[in-house]
């Protein structure tokens, strides 16, 4: 049988039990800073990025402008008005199908093409091309897929398993005019 524990070490005179001698109570929540206080006055928030020393963030420019092309599709070629400077096929590819669907200020495009290049070469082409257009690579794209976007555009090149007849790839995009 063990004896019951005692009250613990004696507290120094003038301190609460369990506190070290000379300990000072911490700040009171909501206390107002006073002269000699260690709590600094809050700084007003900067009114612009220039005051923070950071350069301004440029607003992205839409990749397409009004008037948008008419909706349509084509087999074996790019449909009239297809934005090939944005989502065109990898050089040396055979276009299998292309389409445009427009409504208001929004255009949806689809391209299906085939190339003798590897899937990795196709991914590298679109990564480089879309980054040069000022788009940002999307985090969370499925493994092996390429996806880029900004506030006006969303482009992706999802991949499936090789078919044995070269690399068949799909490019999908939604583009909004400014």
C-alpha atoms as a PDB file:
ATOM      1  CA  UNK A   1       0.000   0.000   0.000  1.00  0.00           C
ATOM      2  CA  UNK A   2       1.383   3.351  -1.009  1.00  0.00           C
ATOM      3  CA  UNK A   3       0.751   6.465   0.990  1.00  0.00           C
ATOM      4  CA  UNK A   4      -1.471   9.144  -0.598  1.00  0.00           C
ATOM      5  CA  UNK A   5       0.522  11.776  -2.432  1.00  0.00           C
ATOM      6  CA  UNK A   6       1.174  14.958  -0.554  1.00  0.00           C
ATOM      7  CA  UNK A   7       0.252  18.467  -1.599  1.00  0.00           C
ATOM      8  CA  UNK A   8       3.509  18.801  -3.562  1.00  0.00           C
ATOM      9  CA  UNK A   9       6.319  21.258  -3.118  1.00  0.00           C
ATOM     10  CA  UNK A  10       5.629  24.255  -1.012  1.00  0.00           C
ATOM     11  CA  UNK A  11       4.791  27.388  -2.965  1.00  0.00           C
ATOM     12  CA  UNK A  12       7.002  30.356  -2.364  1.00  0.00           C
ATOM     13  CA  UNK A  13       5.383  33.081  -0.342  1.00  0.00           C
ATOM     14  CA  UNK A  14       3.288  35.411  -2.554  1.00  0.00           C
ATOM     15  CA  UNK A  15       2.857  32.915  -5.448  1.00  0.00           C
ATOM     16  CA  UNK A  16       0.056  30.587  -6.322  1.00  0.00           C
ATOM     17  CA  UNK A  17       0.601  26.864  -5.832  1.00  0.00           C
ATOM     18  CA  UNK A  18       2.170  25.253  -8.913  1.00  0.00           C
ATOM     19  CA  UNK A  19       3.753  28.545 -10.136  1.00  0.00           C
ATOM     20  CA  UNK A  20       7.469  29.148 -10.148  1.00  0.00           C
ATOM     21  CA  UNK A  21       8.761  31.878  -7.859  1.00  0.00           C
ATOM     22  CA  UNK A  22       8.794  35.239  -9.670  1.00  0.00           C
ATOM     23  CA  UNK A  23       6.326  34.120 -12.392  1.00  0.00           C
ATOM     24  CA  UNK A  24       4.105  36.898 -13.704  1.00  0.00           C
ATOM     25  CA  UNK A  25       0.602  36.175 -14.969  1.00  0.00           C
ATOM     26  CA  UNK A  26       0.235  36.282 -18.783  1.00  0.00           C
ATOM     27  CA  UNK A  27      -1.642  38.909 -20.793  1.00  0.00           C
ATOM     28  CA  UNK A  28      -5.325  39.335 -20.307  1.00  0.00           C
ATOM     29  CA  UNK A  29      -7.317  38.568 -23.475  1.00  0.00           C
ATOM     30  CA  UNK A  30      -8.530  41.784 -25.061  1.00  0.00           C
ATOM     31  CA  UNK A  31      -6.088  43.965 -23.088  1.00  0.00           C
ATOM     32  CA  UNK A  32      -5.305  47.374 -24.582  1.00  0.00           C
ATOM     33  CA  UNK A  33      -1.609  48.032 -25.215  1.00  0.00           C
ATOM     34  CA  UNK A  34      -0.208  50.781 -23.022  1.00  0.00           C
ATOM     35  CA  UNK A  35       3.071  52.665 -22.845  1.00  0.00           C
ATOM     36  CA  UNK A  36       5.815  50.157 -22.239  1.00  0.00           C
ATOM     37  CA  UNK A  37       3.598  47.281 -23.336  1.00  0.00           C
ATOM     38  CA  UNK A  38       5.223  44.459 -25.259  1.00  0.00           C
ATOM     39  CA  UNK A  39       2.177  44.171 -27.497  1.00  0.00           C
ATOM     40  CA  UNK A  40       2.821  46.284 -30.614  1.00  0.00           C
ATOM     41  CA  UNK A  41       0.108  48.512 -32.029  1.00  0.00           C
ATOM     42  CA  UNK A  42      -1.539  46.801 -34.997  1.00  0.00           C
ATOM     43  CA  UNK A  43      -0.302  48.103 -38.340  1.00  0.00           C
ATOM     44  CA  UNK A  44      -2.974  49.261 -40.738  1.00  0.00           C
ATOM     45  CA  UNK A  45      -3.356  46.912 -43.699  1.00  0.00           C
ATOM     46  CA  UNK A  46      -1.561  48.106 -46.821  1.00  0.00           C
ATOM     47  CA  UNK A  47      -3.991  49.618 -49.302  1.00  0.00           C
ATOM     48  CA  UNK A  48      -2.219  48.254 -52.376  1.00  0.00           C
ATOM     49  CA  UNK A  49       0.297  45.619 -53.459  1.00  0.00           C
ATOM     50  CA  UNK A  50       2.756  48.475 -54.147  1.00  0.00           C
ATOM     51  CA  UNK A  51       2.834  49.275 -50.437  1.00  0.00           C
ATOM     52  CA  UNK A  52       3.794  45.670 -49.691  1.00  0.00           C
ATOM     53  CA  UNK A  53       6.715  45.802 -52.123  1.00  0.00           C
ATOM     54  CA  UNK A  54       5.108  43.162 -54.367  1.00  0.00           C
ATOM     55  CA  UNK A  55       4.545  43.831 -58.060  1.00  0.00           C
ATOM     56  CA  UNK A  56       0.930  44.082 -59.198  1.00  0.00           C
ATOM     57  CA  UNK A  57      -0.663  40.912 -60.519  1.00  0.00           C
ATOM     58  CA  UNK A  58      -1.662  41.425 -64.138  1.00  0.00           C
ATOM     59  CA  UNK A  59      -5.167  40.336 -65.061  1.00  0.00           C
ATOM     60  CA  UNK A  60      -5.101  37.582 -67.695  1.00  0.00           C
ATOM     61  CA  UNK A  61      -6.219  38.548 -71.166  1.00  0.00           C
ATOM     62  CA  UNK A  62      -8.828  36.261 -72.751  1.00  0.00           C
ATOM     63  CA  UNK A  63      -7.330  34.012 -75.428  1.00  0.00           C
ATOM     64  CA  UNK A  64     -10.336  34.504 -77.730  1.00  0.00           C
ATOM     65  CA  UNK A  65     -12.324  37.565 -78.770  1.00  0.00           C
ATOM     66  CA  UNK A  66     -15.819  38.224 -80.046  1.00  0.00           C
ATOM     67  CA  UNK A  67     -17.283  37.346 -82.428  1.00  0.00           C
ATOM     68  CA  UNK A  68     -16.783  33.654 -81.722  1.00  0.00           C
ATOM     69  CA  UNK A  69     -16.950  31.170 -84.613  1.00  0.00           C
ATOM     70  CA  UNK A  70     -20.136  29.283 -85.355  1.00  0.00           C
ATOM     71  CA  UNK A  71     -20.748  25.878 -83.820  1.00  0.00           C
ATOM     72  CA  UNK A  72     -19.804  22.959 -86.029  1.00  0.00           C
ATOM     73  CA  UNK A  73     -17.781  19.785 -86.399  1.00  0.00           C
ATOM     74  CA  UNK A  74     -15.517  18.182 -88.957  1.00  0.00           C
ATOM     75  CA  UNK A  75     -14.072  14.696 -89.485  1.00  0.00           C
ATOM     76  CA  UNK A  76     -10.495  14.452 -90.754  1.00  0.00           C
ATOM     77  CA  UNK A  77      -9.798  18.206 -90.485  1.00  0.00           C
ATOM     78  CA  UNK A  78     -10.115  21.241 -88.244  1.00  0.00           C
ATOM     79  CA  UNK A  79     -13.584  22.763 -88.319  1.00  0.00           C
ATOM     80  CA  UNK A  80     -13.803  26.352 -89.656  1.00  0.00           C
ATOM     81  CA  UNK A  81     -12.837  28.847 -86.944  1.00  0.00           C
ATOM     82  CA  UNK A  82     -11.062  26.261 -84.765  1.00  0.00           C
ATOM     83  CA  UNK A  83      -8.597  28.078 -82.449  1.00  0.00           C
ATOM     84  CA  UNK A  84      -5.538  26.159 -83.630  1.00  0.00           C
ATOM     85  CA  UNK A  85      -3.134  28.707 -82.106  1.00  0.00           C
ATOM     86  CA  UNK A  86      -4.491  27.670 -78.686  1.00  0.00           C
ATOM     87  CA  UNK A  87      -5.526  24.008 -78.955  1.00  0.00           C
ATOM     88  CA  UNK A  88      -4.232  22.972 -82.357  1.00  0.00           C
ATOM     89  CA  UNK A  89      -2.816  19.510 -82.981  1.00  0.00           C
ATOM     90  CA  UNK A  90       0.768  18.549 -82.234  1.00  0.00           C
ATOM     91  CA  UNK A  91       2.826  19.105 -85.420  1.00  0.00           C
ATOM     92  CA  UNK A  92       2.775  16.000 -87.624  1.00  0.00           C
ATOM     93  CA  UNK A  93      -0.566  14.764 -86.216  1.00  0.00           C
ATOM     94  CA  UNK A  94      -3.511  13.549 -88.239  1.00  0.00           C
ATOM     95  CA  UNK A  95      -6.747  15.254 -87.163  1.00  0.00           C
ATOM     96  CA  UNK A  96      -9.454  12.647 -86.672  1.00  0.00           C
ATOM     97  CA  UNK A  97     -12.256  14.948 -85.446  1.00  0.00           C
ATOM     98  CA  UNK A  98     -12.735  18.526 -84.306  1.00  0.00           C
ATOM     99  CA  UNK A  99     -15.694  20.492 -83.027  1.00  0.00           C
ATOM    100  CA  UNK A 100     -16.739  23.889 -81.717  1.00  0.00           C
ATOM    101  CA  UNK A 101     -19.836  24.684 -79.676  1.00  0.00           C
ATOM    102  CA  UNK A 102     -20.474  28.357 -78.922  1.00  0.00           C
ATOM    103  CA  UNK A 103     -22.997  30.104 -76.749  1.00  0.00           C
ATOM    104  CA  UNK A 104     -22.782  33.766 -75.854  1.00  0.00           C
ATOM    105  CA  UNK A 105     -19.200  34.573 -74.847  1.00  0.00           C
ATOM    106  CA  UNK A 106     -18.189  30.919 -74.331  1.00  0.00           C
ATOM    107  CA  UNK A 107     -16.696  28.467 -76.806  1.00  0.00           C
ATOM    108  CA  UNK A 108     -16.144  24.767 -76.150  1.00  0.00           C
ATOM    109  CA  UNK A 109     -13.680  22.986 -78.434  1.00  0.00           C
ATOM    110  CA  UNK A 110     -12.714  19.363 -78.889  1.00  0.00           C
ATOM    111  CA  UNK A 111      -9.906  17.860 -80.936  1.00  0.00           C
ATOM    112  CA  UNK A 112      -9.148  14.173 -81.463  1.00  0.00           C
ATOM    113  CA  UNK A 113      -5.880  13.494 -83.287  1.00  0.00           C
ATOM    114  CA  UNK A 114      -3.298  10.772 -83.874  1.00  0.00           C
ATOM    115  CA  UNK A 115       0.486  11.057 -83.985  1.00  0.00           C
ATOM    116  CA  UNK A 116       3.515   8.787 -84.147  1.00  0.00           C
ATOM    117  CA  UNK A 117       4.998  10.818 -81.241  1.00  0.00           C
ATOM    118  CA  UNK A 118       4.879   9.334 -77.769  1.00  0.00           C
ATOM    119  CA  UNK A 119       2.225  10.334 -75.248  1.00  0.00           C
ATOM    120  CA  UNK A 120       4.995  12.016 -73.220  1.00  0.00           C
ATOM    121  CA  UNK A 121       5.981  14.134 -76.255  1.00  0.00           C
ATOM    122  CA  UNK A 122       2.336  15.181 -76.692  1.00  0.00           C
ATOM    123  CA  UNK A 123       2.100  16.090 -72.981  1.00  0.00           C
ATOM    124  CA  UNK A 124       5.347  18.087 -73.194  1.00  0.00           C
ATOM    125  CA  UNK A 125       4.078  19.946 -76.279  1.00  0.00           C
ATOM    126  CA  UNK A 126       0.872  21.088 -74.577  1.00  0.00           C
ATOM    127  CA  UNK A 127       2.583  21.885 -71.257  1.00  0.00           C
ATOM    128  CA  UNK A 128       5.084  24.127 -73.025  1.00  0.00           C
ATOM    129  CA  UNK A 129       2.548  25.698 -75.397  1.00  0.00           C
ATOM    130  CA  UNK A 130      -0.100  26.461 -72.770  1.00  0.00           C
ATOM    131  CA  UNK A 131       2.472  27.805 -70.290  1.00  0.00           C
ATOM    132  CA  UNK A 132       3.762  30.181 -73.016  1.00  0.00           C
ATOM    133  CA  UNK A 133       0.159  31.406 -73.425  1.00  0.00           C
ATOM    134  CA  UNK A 134       0.231  32.440 -69.760  1.00  0.00           C
ATOM    135  CA  UNK A 135      -1.942  29.641 -68.398  1.00  0.00           C
ATOM    136  CA  UNK A 136      -1.233  27.885 -65.108  1.00  0.00           C
ATOM    137  CA  UNK A 137      -0.966  24.113 -64.790  1.00  0.00           C
ATOM    138  CA  UNK A 138      -3.865  22.771 -62.755  1.00  0.00           C
ATOM    139  CA  UNK A 139      -3.110  20.866 -59.599  1.00  0.00           C
ATOM    140  CA  UNK A 140      -5.076  17.664 -59.211  1.00  0.00           C
ATOM    141  CA  UNK A 141      -5.268  16.605 -62.847  1.00  0.00           C
ATOM    142  CA  UNK A 142      -5.424  12.836 -63.175  1.00  0.00           C
ATOM    143  CA  UNK A 143      -2.035  11.161 -63.457  1.00  0.00           C
ATOM    144  CA  UNK A 144      -0.740  11.467 -67.006  1.00  0.00           C
ATOM    145  CA  UNK A 145      -3.258  14.163 -67.988  1.00  0.00           C
ATOM    146  CA  UNK A 146      -2.317  17.738 -68.785  1.00  0.00           C
ATOM    147  CA  UNK A 147      -4.616  20.565 -67.627  1.00  0.00           C
ATOM    148  CA  UNK A 148      -4.054  24.337 -67.669  1.00  0.00           C
ATOM    149  CA  UNK A 149      -6.324  27.259 -66.908  1.00  0.00           C
ATOM    150  CA  UNK A 150      -6.801  30.908 -66.042  1.00  0.00           C
ATOM    151  CA  UNK A 151      -9.919  32.914 -65.239  1.00  0.00           C
ATOM    152  CA  UNK A 152     -11.044  32.821 -68.901  1.00  0.00           C
ATOM    153  CA  UNK A 153      -9.822  29.431 -70.122  1.00  0.00           C
ATOM    154  CA  UNK A 154      -9.688  25.783 -69.157  1.00  0.00           C
ATOM    155  CA  UNK A 155      -7.732  23.373 -71.373  1.00  0.00           C
ATOM    156  CA  UNK A 156      -6.967  19.702 -70.902  1.00  0.00           C
ATOM    157  CA  UNK A 157      -5.438  16.768 -72.723  1.00  0.00           C
ATOM    158  CA  UNK A 158      -6.535  13.560 -70.991  1.00  0.00           C
ATOM    159  CA  UNK A 159      -4.822  10.325 -72.006  1.00  0.00           C
ATOM    160  CA  UNK A 160      -5.935   6.719 -72.195  1.00  0.00           C
ATOM    161  CA  UNK A 161      -3.867   3.569 -72.626  1.00  0.00           C
ATOM    162  CA  UNK A 162      -1.934   3.199 -75.885  1.00  0.00           C
ATOM    163  CA  UNK A 163      -3.910   1.616 -78.693  1.00  0.00           C
ATOM    164  CA  UNK A 164      -0.999   0.223 -80.706  1.00  0.00           C
ATOM    165  CA  UNK A 165      -1.692   2.583 -83.630  1.00  0.00           C
ATOM    166  CA  UNK A 166       0.380   5.525 -82.461  1.00  0.00           C
ATOM    167  CA  UNK A 167      -0.773   8.003 -79.878  1.00  0.00           C
ATOM    168  CA  UNK A 168      -4.398   9.028 -80.132  1.00  0.00           C
ATOM    169  CA  UNK A 169      -5.108  12.046 -77.970  1.00  0.00           C
ATOM    170  CA  UNK A 170      -8.015  14.282 -77.078  1.00  0.00           C
ATOM    171  CA  UNK A 171      -7.772  17.997 -76.373  1.00  0.00           C
ATOM    172  CA  UNK A 172     -10.712  19.677 -74.702  1.00  0.00           C
ATOM    173  CA  UNK A 173     -11.110  23.374 -73.965  1.00  0.00           C
ATOM    174  CA  UNK A 174     -13.528  25.967 -72.704  1.00  0.00           C
ATOM    175  CA  UNK A 175     -12.598  29.494 -73.763  1.00  0.00           C
ATOM    176  CA  UNK A 176     -14.401  32.686 -72.754  1.00  0.00           C
ATOM    177  CA  UNK A 177     -14.172  35.962 -74.626  1.00  0.00           C
ATOM    178  CA  UNK A 178     -13.491  39.102 -72.582  1.00  0.00           C
END
